[in-house]
N, C-alpha and C. Protein backbone atom coordinates (compact mmCIF):
# COMPACT_ATOMS: atom_id res chain seq x y z
N ALA A 1 88.79 130.04 83.11
CA ALA A 1 87.54 129.60 82.53
C ALA A 1 87.44 128.09 82.63
N GLU A 2 86.25 127.63 82.79
CA GLU A 2 86.01 126.19 82.90
C GLU A 2 86.17 125.52 81.54
N LEU A 3 86.80 124.35 81.54
CA LEU A 3 86.97 123.60 80.30
C LEU A 3 85.66 122.92 79.91
N THR A 4 85.43 122.83 78.64
CA THR A 4 84.25 122.11 78.15
C THR A 4 84.58 120.62 78.12
N PRO A 5 83.57 119.77 78.09
CA PRO A 5 83.84 118.33 77.97
C PRO A 5 84.66 118.00 76.71
N ALA A 6 84.41 118.68 75.63
CA ALA A 6 85.17 118.43 74.40
C ALA A 6 86.65 118.78 74.59
N GLU A 7 86.94 119.86 75.32
CA GLU A 7 88.33 120.23 75.60
C GLU A 7 89.01 119.21 76.51
N ILE A 8 88.26 118.73 77.50
CA ILE A 8 88.81 117.71 78.39
C ILE A 8 89.06 116.42 77.61
N ASN A 9 88.14 116.07 76.72
CA ASN A 9 88.33 114.89 75.87
C ASN A 9 89.65 114.99 75.11
N GLN A 10 89.91 116.16 74.53
CA GLN A 10 91.14 116.36 73.75
C GLN A 10 92.37 116.25 74.64
N LEU A 11 92.32 116.86 75.82
CA LEU A 11 93.44 116.77 76.76
C LEU A 11 93.69 115.31 77.16
N TRP A 12 92.62 114.61 77.46
CA TRP A 12 92.72 113.20 77.84
C TRP A 12 93.38 112.39 76.74
N LEU A 13 92.91 112.55 75.52
CA LEU A 13 93.48 111.81 74.39
C LEU A 13 94.94 112.16 74.17
N SER A 14 95.28 113.43 74.32
CA SER A 14 96.65 113.87 74.14
C SER A 14 97.58 113.24 75.17
N VAL A 15 97.19 113.31 76.43
CA VAL A 15 98.02 112.76 77.51
C VAL A 15 98.10 111.24 77.40
N GLN A 16 96.99 110.59 77.10
CA GLN A 16 97.01 109.14 76.94
C GLN A 16 97.91 108.74 75.77
N GLY A 17 97.84 109.50 74.69
CA GLY A 17 98.70 109.22 73.54
C GLY A 17 100.18 109.36 73.88
N GLU A 18 100.51 110.41 74.63
CA GLU A 18 101.90 110.62 75.06
C GLU A 18 102.38 109.49 75.96
N SER A 19 101.54 109.09 76.90
CA SER A 19 101.98 108.10 77.89
C SER A 19 101.98 106.67 77.34
N LEU A 20 101.09 106.35 76.44
CA LEU A 20 101.00 104.98 75.93
C LEU A 20 101.74 104.78 74.62
N GLY A 21 102.03 105.85 73.92
CA GLY A 21 102.82 105.76 72.70
C GLY A 21 102.05 105.24 71.50
N PRO A 22 102.77 105.05 70.40
CA PRO A 22 102.14 104.70 69.14
C PRO A 22 101.64 103.25 69.07
N ALA A 23 102.03 102.41 70.02
CA ALA A 23 101.60 101.01 69.99
C ALA A 23 100.13 100.85 70.34
N VAL A 24 99.52 101.88 70.92
CA VAL A 24 98.12 101.80 71.34
C VAL A 24 97.29 102.76 70.50
N SER A 25 96.22 102.23 69.95
CA SER A 25 95.30 103.10 69.22
C SER A 25 93.99 103.17 70.01
N PHE A 26 93.36 104.32 69.93
CA PHE A 26 92.15 104.57 70.70
C PHE A 26 90.93 104.51 69.81
N GLY A 27 89.87 103.91 70.35
CA GLY A 27 88.62 103.87 69.63
C GLY A 27 87.97 105.25 69.58
N GLU A 28 87.00 105.36 68.75
CA GLU A 28 86.29 106.63 68.52
C GLU A 28 85.68 107.21 69.80
N ASP A 29 85.24 106.37 70.71
CA ASP A 29 84.58 106.83 71.93
C ASP A 29 85.52 106.98 73.12
N TYR A 30 86.81 106.77 72.94
CA TYR A 30 87.74 106.79 74.07
C TYR A 30 87.95 108.19 74.64
N GLY A 31 87.67 109.21 73.90
CA GLY A 31 87.88 110.58 74.36
C GLY A 31 87.12 110.91 75.63
N ILE A 32 85.97 110.32 75.82
CA ILE A 32 85.13 110.61 76.99
C ILE A 32 85.46 109.69 78.17
N TYR A 33 86.41 108.78 77.99
CA TYR A 33 86.72 107.79 79.02
C TYR A 33 87.17 108.42 80.34
N TRP A 34 87.73 109.61 80.29
CA TRP A 34 88.14 110.30 81.52
C TRP A 34 86.98 110.42 82.50
N ALA A 35 85.75 110.55 81.99
CA ALA A 35 84.57 110.71 82.85
C ALA A 35 84.26 109.43 83.62
N TYR A 36 84.82 108.31 83.18
CA TYR A 36 84.62 107.02 83.84
C TYR A 36 85.46 106.91 85.11
N VAL A 37 86.50 107.72 85.23
CA VAL A 37 87.42 107.66 86.37
C VAL A 37 86.84 108.54 87.48
N PRO A 38 86.25 107.94 88.51
CA PRO A 38 85.54 108.72 89.52
C PRO A 38 86.44 109.68 90.30
N HIS A 39 87.73 109.36 90.41
CA HIS A 39 88.65 110.22 91.17
C HIS A 39 88.69 111.63 90.60
N PHE A 40 88.60 111.75 89.30
CA PHE A 40 88.71 113.06 88.66
C PHE A 40 87.54 113.98 89.03
N ILE A 41 86.39 113.40 89.28
CA ILE A 41 85.18 114.18 89.50
C ILE A 41 84.82 114.28 90.98
N HIS A 42 84.86 113.15 91.68
CA HIS A 42 84.38 113.11 93.06
C HIS A 42 85.45 113.36 94.11
N SER A 43 86.70 113.13 93.78
CA SER A 43 87.80 113.27 94.75
C SER A 43 88.98 113.99 94.12
N PRO A 44 88.84 115.28 93.84
CA PRO A 44 89.95 116.00 93.23
C PRO A 44 91.24 115.84 94.05
N PHE A 45 92.34 115.73 93.38
CA PHE A 45 93.68 115.58 93.96
C PHE A 45 93.90 114.22 94.62
N TYR A 46 92.96 113.29 94.46
CA TYR A 46 93.12 111.94 95.01
C TYR A 46 94.38 111.28 94.47
N VAL A 47 94.59 111.35 93.17
CA VAL A 47 95.73 110.66 92.58
C VAL A 47 97.06 111.31 92.95
N TYR A 48 97.03 112.53 93.47
CA TYR A 48 98.23 113.19 93.97
C TYR A 48 98.91 112.33 95.02
N ALA A 49 98.14 111.62 95.83
CA ALA A 49 98.70 110.80 96.90
C ALA A 49 99.59 109.70 96.35
N TYR A 50 99.27 109.17 95.18
CA TYR A 50 100.11 108.13 94.58
C TYR A 50 101.48 108.67 94.21
N ALA A 51 101.51 109.80 93.54
CA ALA A 51 102.79 110.41 93.15
C ALA A 51 103.59 110.82 94.38
N PHE A 52 102.91 111.41 95.35
CA PHE A 52 103.56 111.83 96.60
C PHE A 52 104.18 110.62 97.30
N GLY A 53 103.40 109.57 97.46
CA GLY A 53 103.87 108.37 98.15
C GLY A 53 105.01 107.69 97.42
N ASP A 54 104.91 107.60 96.11
CA ASP A 54 105.96 106.95 95.32
C ASP A 54 107.27 107.72 95.45
N CYS A 55 107.21 109.00 95.31
CA CYS A 55 108.40 109.83 95.40
C CYS A 55 108.99 109.80 96.81
N LEU A 56 108.13 109.82 97.82
CA LEU A 56 108.58 109.77 99.20
C LEU A 56 109.31 108.45 99.49
N VAL A 57 108.72 107.34 99.06
CA VAL A 57 109.34 106.03 99.28
C VAL A 57 110.66 105.92 98.53
N ASN A 58 110.72 106.46 97.33
CA ASN A 58 111.97 106.43 96.58
C ASN A 58 113.06 107.22 97.30
N SER A 59 112.70 108.34 97.88
CA SER A 59 113.66 109.14 98.64
C SER A 59 114.12 108.40 99.90
N LEU A 60 113.19 107.72 100.54
CA LEU A 60 113.55 106.90 101.69
C LEU A 60 114.53 105.79 101.28
N TYR A 61 114.24 105.15 100.17
CA TYR A 61 115.12 104.07 99.70
C TYR A 61 116.50 104.61 99.34
N ALA A 62 116.55 105.78 98.73
CA ALA A 62 117.84 106.40 98.41
C ALA A 62 118.62 106.67 99.70
N ARG A 63 117.93 107.09 100.73
CA ARG A 63 118.56 107.31 102.04
C ARG A 63 119.11 106.01 102.59
N TYR A 64 118.33 104.93 102.47
CA TYR A 64 118.77 103.61 102.92
C TYR A 64 120.04 103.18 102.18
N GLN A 65 120.05 103.36 100.86
CA GLN A 65 121.22 102.98 100.07
C GLN A 65 122.46 103.77 100.49
N ALA A 66 122.27 105.03 100.80
CA ALA A 66 123.40 105.89 101.17
C ALA A 66 123.90 105.61 102.58
N ARG A 67 122.97 105.38 103.52
CA ARG A 67 123.34 105.17 104.93
C ARG A 67 122.40 104.15 105.57
N PRO A 68 122.70 102.87 105.43
CA PRO A 68 121.79 101.84 105.96
C PRO A 68 121.78 101.73 107.49
N ASP A 69 122.82 102.20 108.16
CA ASP A 69 122.89 102.08 109.62
C ASP A 69 121.73 102.81 110.29
N GLY A 70 120.99 102.10 111.12
CA GLY A 70 119.87 102.67 111.86
C GLY A 70 118.59 102.80 111.06
N PHE A 71 118.66 102.54 109.77
CA PHE A 71 117.49 102.73 108.91
C PHE A 71 116.36 101.78 109.31
N GLU A 72 116.70 100.52 109.54
CA GLU A 72 115.67 99.51 109.79
C GLU A 72 114.79 99.89 110.99
N GLN A 73 115.40 100.27 112.10
CA GLN A 73 114.61 100.63 113.28
C GLN A 73 113.76 101.87 113.03
N ASN A 74 114.34 102.87 112.37
CA ASN A 74 113.57 104.07 112.04
C ASN A 74 112.40 103.73 111.13
N TYR A 75 112.62 102.81 110.20
CA TYR A 75 111.56 102.42 109.28
C TYR A 75 110.43 101.69 110.02
N PHE A 76 110.79 100.78 110.92
CA PHE A 76 109.77 100.10 111.71
C PHE A 76 108.99 101.10 112.57
N ASP A 77 109.69 102.07 113.13
CA ASP A 77 109.02 103.11 113.92
C ASP A 77 108.05 103.92 113.05
N LEU A 78 108.45 104.20 111.83
CA LEU A 78 107.58 104.92 110.89
C LEU A 78 106.32 104.11 110.63
N LEU A 79 106.48 102.82 110.38
CA LEU A 79 105.32 101.96 110.12
C LEU A 79 104.42 101.85 111.34
N LYS A 80 105.02 101.72 112.51
CA LYS A 80 104.23 101.62 113.75
C LYS A 80 103.41 102.88 114.01
N ALA A 81 103.94 104.02 113.61
CA ALA A 81 103.24 105.29 113.85
C ALA A 81 101.95 105.37 113.06
N GLY A 82 101.86 104.65 111.95
CA GLY A 82 100.64 104.69 111.13
C GLY A 82 100.29 106.11 110.76
N GLY A 83 99.04 106.47 110.93
CA GLY A 83 98.59 107.82 110.60
C GLY A 83 98.61 108.77 111.78
N SER A 84 99.35 108.43 112.82
CA SER A 84 99.34 109.26 114.03
C SER A 84 100.23 110.49 113.95
N LYS A 85 101.11 110.55 112.94
CA LYS A 85 102.02 111.69 112.79
C LYS A 85 101.99 112.18 111.36
N ARG A 86 102.38 113.43 111.20
CA ARG A 86 102.51 114.01 109.85
C ARG A 86 103.75 113.43 109.17
N TYR A 87 103.75 113.45 107.86
CA TYR A 87 104.87 112.89 107.11
C TYR A 87 106.19 113.56 107.45
N ASP A 88 106.18 114.87 107.73
CA ASP A 88 107.44 115.55 108.04
C ASP A 88 108.02 115.05 109.37
N GLU A 89 107.15 114.73 110.33
CA GLU A 89 107.61 114.16 111.60
C GLU A 89 108.16 112.76 111.40
N LEU A 90 107.52 112.00 110.52
CA LEU A 90 107.96 110.63 110.25
C LEU A 90 109.30 110.58 109.53
N LEU A 91 109.58 111.60 108.72
CA LEU A 91 110.84 111.63 107.97
C LEU A 91 112.01 112.16 108.78
N ALA A 92 111.75 112.90 109.83
CA ALA A 92 112.81 113.55 110.61
C ALA A 92 113.87 112.57 111.13
N PRO A 93 113.51 111.39 111.66
CA PRO A 93 114.55 110.48 112.15
C PRO A 93 115.51 109.99 111.05
N PHE A 94 115.09 110.10 109.81
CA PHE A 94 115.95 109.70 108.69
C PHE A 94 116.84 110.85 108.23
N GLY A 95 116.64 112.02 108.83
CA GLY A 95 117.39 113.20 108.40
C GLY A 95 116.88 113.73 107.08
N LEU A 96 115.61 113.48 106.77
CA LEU A 96 115.01 113.91 105.51
C LEU A 96 114.01 115.03 105.76
N ASP A 97 113.96 115.96 104.83
CA ASP A 97 113.06 117.11 104.93
C ASP A 97 112.33 117.28 103.60
N ALA A 98 111.04 117.01 103.61
CA ALA A 98 110.25 117.09 102.38
C ALA A 98 110.10 118.51 101.86
N ARG A 99 110.49 119.52 102.66
CA ARG A 99 110.46 120.90 102.18
C ARG A 99 111.67 121.23 101.31
N ASP A 100 112.67 120.35 101.35
CA ASP A 100 113.89 120.53 100.58
C ASP A 100 113.69 119.97 99.18
N PRO A 101 113.83 120.78 98.14
CA PRO A 101 113.66 120.26 96.77
C PRO A 101 114.56 119.06 96.46
N ALA A 102 115.71 118.97 97.12
CA ALA A 102 116.61 117.83 96.88
C ALA A 102 115.97 116.51 97.31
N PHE A 103 115.09 116.57 98.31
CA PHE A 103 114.37 115.38 98.75
C PHE A 103 113.57 114.80 97.59
N TRP A 104 112.82 115.65 96.92
CA TRP A 104 111.99 115.20 95.80
C TRP A 104 112.84 114.86 94.59
N ALA A 105 113.94 115.57 94.40
CA ALA A 105 114.84 115.29 93.28
C ALA A 105 115.41 113.87 93.40
N ARG A 106 115.72 113.44 94.63
CA ARG A 106 116.23 112.07 94.83
C ARG A 106 115.18 111.05 94.41
N GLY A 107 113.95 111.27 94.82
CA GLY A 107 112.88 110.35 94.46
C GLY A 107 112.63 110.29 92.97
N LEU A 108 112.64 111.45 92.33
CA LEU A 108 112.43 111.50 90.88
C LEU A 108 113.62 110.92 90.14
N ALA A 109 114.84 111.09 90.68
CA ALA A 109 116.03 110.54 90.04
C ALA A 109 115.97 109.02 89.99
N MET A 110 115.41 108.41 91.03
CA MET A 110 115.28 106.95 91.03
C MET A 110 114.35 106.50 89.90
N ILE A 111 113.27 107.22 89.70
CA ILE A 111 112.34 106.88 88.61
C ILE A 111 113.03 107.08 87.27
N SER A 112 113.75 108.17 87.12
CA SER A 112 114.47 108.45 85.88
C SER A 112 115.50 107.36 85.60
N ASP A 113 116.21 106.92 86.63
CA ASP A 113 117.20 105.84 86.46
C ASP A 113 116.53 104.55 86.01
N LEU A 114 115.37 104.23 86.56
CA LEU A 114 114.65 103.03 86.16
C LEU A 114 114.19 103.12 84.70
N ILE A 115 113.76 104.30 84.29
CA ILE A 115 113.35 104.49 82.89
C ILE A 115 114.56 104.32 81.98
N ASP A 116 115.70 104.90 82.36
CA ASP A 116 116.93 104.75 81.57
C ASP A 116 117.32 103.28 81.45
N GLU A 117 117.21 102.55 82.56
CA GLU A 117 117.54 101.12 82.55
C GLU A 117 116.61 100.36 81.61
N LEU A 118 115.33 100.67 81.66
CA LEU A 118 114.36 100.01 80.80
C LEU A 118 114.63 100.32 79.33
N GLU A 119 114.92 101.58 79.03
CA GLU A 119 115.17 101.97 77.64
C GLU A 119 116.45 101.35 77.10
N ALA A 120 117.40 101.01 77.98
CA ALA A 120 118.66 100.41 77.55
C ALA A 120 118.50 98.92 77.23
N MET A 121 117.39 98.33 77.61
CA MET A 121 117.18 96.89 77.38
C MET A 121 116.94 96.59 75.91
């Protein structure tokens, strides 16, 4: 069933509250602010590209840390290819496979490690 605007408002406030924590308070009209973000309405799944790209780059960096030999040339080749190849073709020279859950686990582990480091400060 389709969500009502009031239900989306509540979801938005809930997620914003979780992500921003108790240090941020929201005004009375902030519940409808989700409608201001054009990506949600006009370009569904647009923001997926940010999470995908971040996780992919983190996995590439983890690969570099583990085996730096040959990485630089492969990376320059990846950049030179631009949008001419699919991501799976671009990752192959690094020995990475985005279909493998471990690929994404490496990228997420880097984010988790950064959060742990921040929380330890």
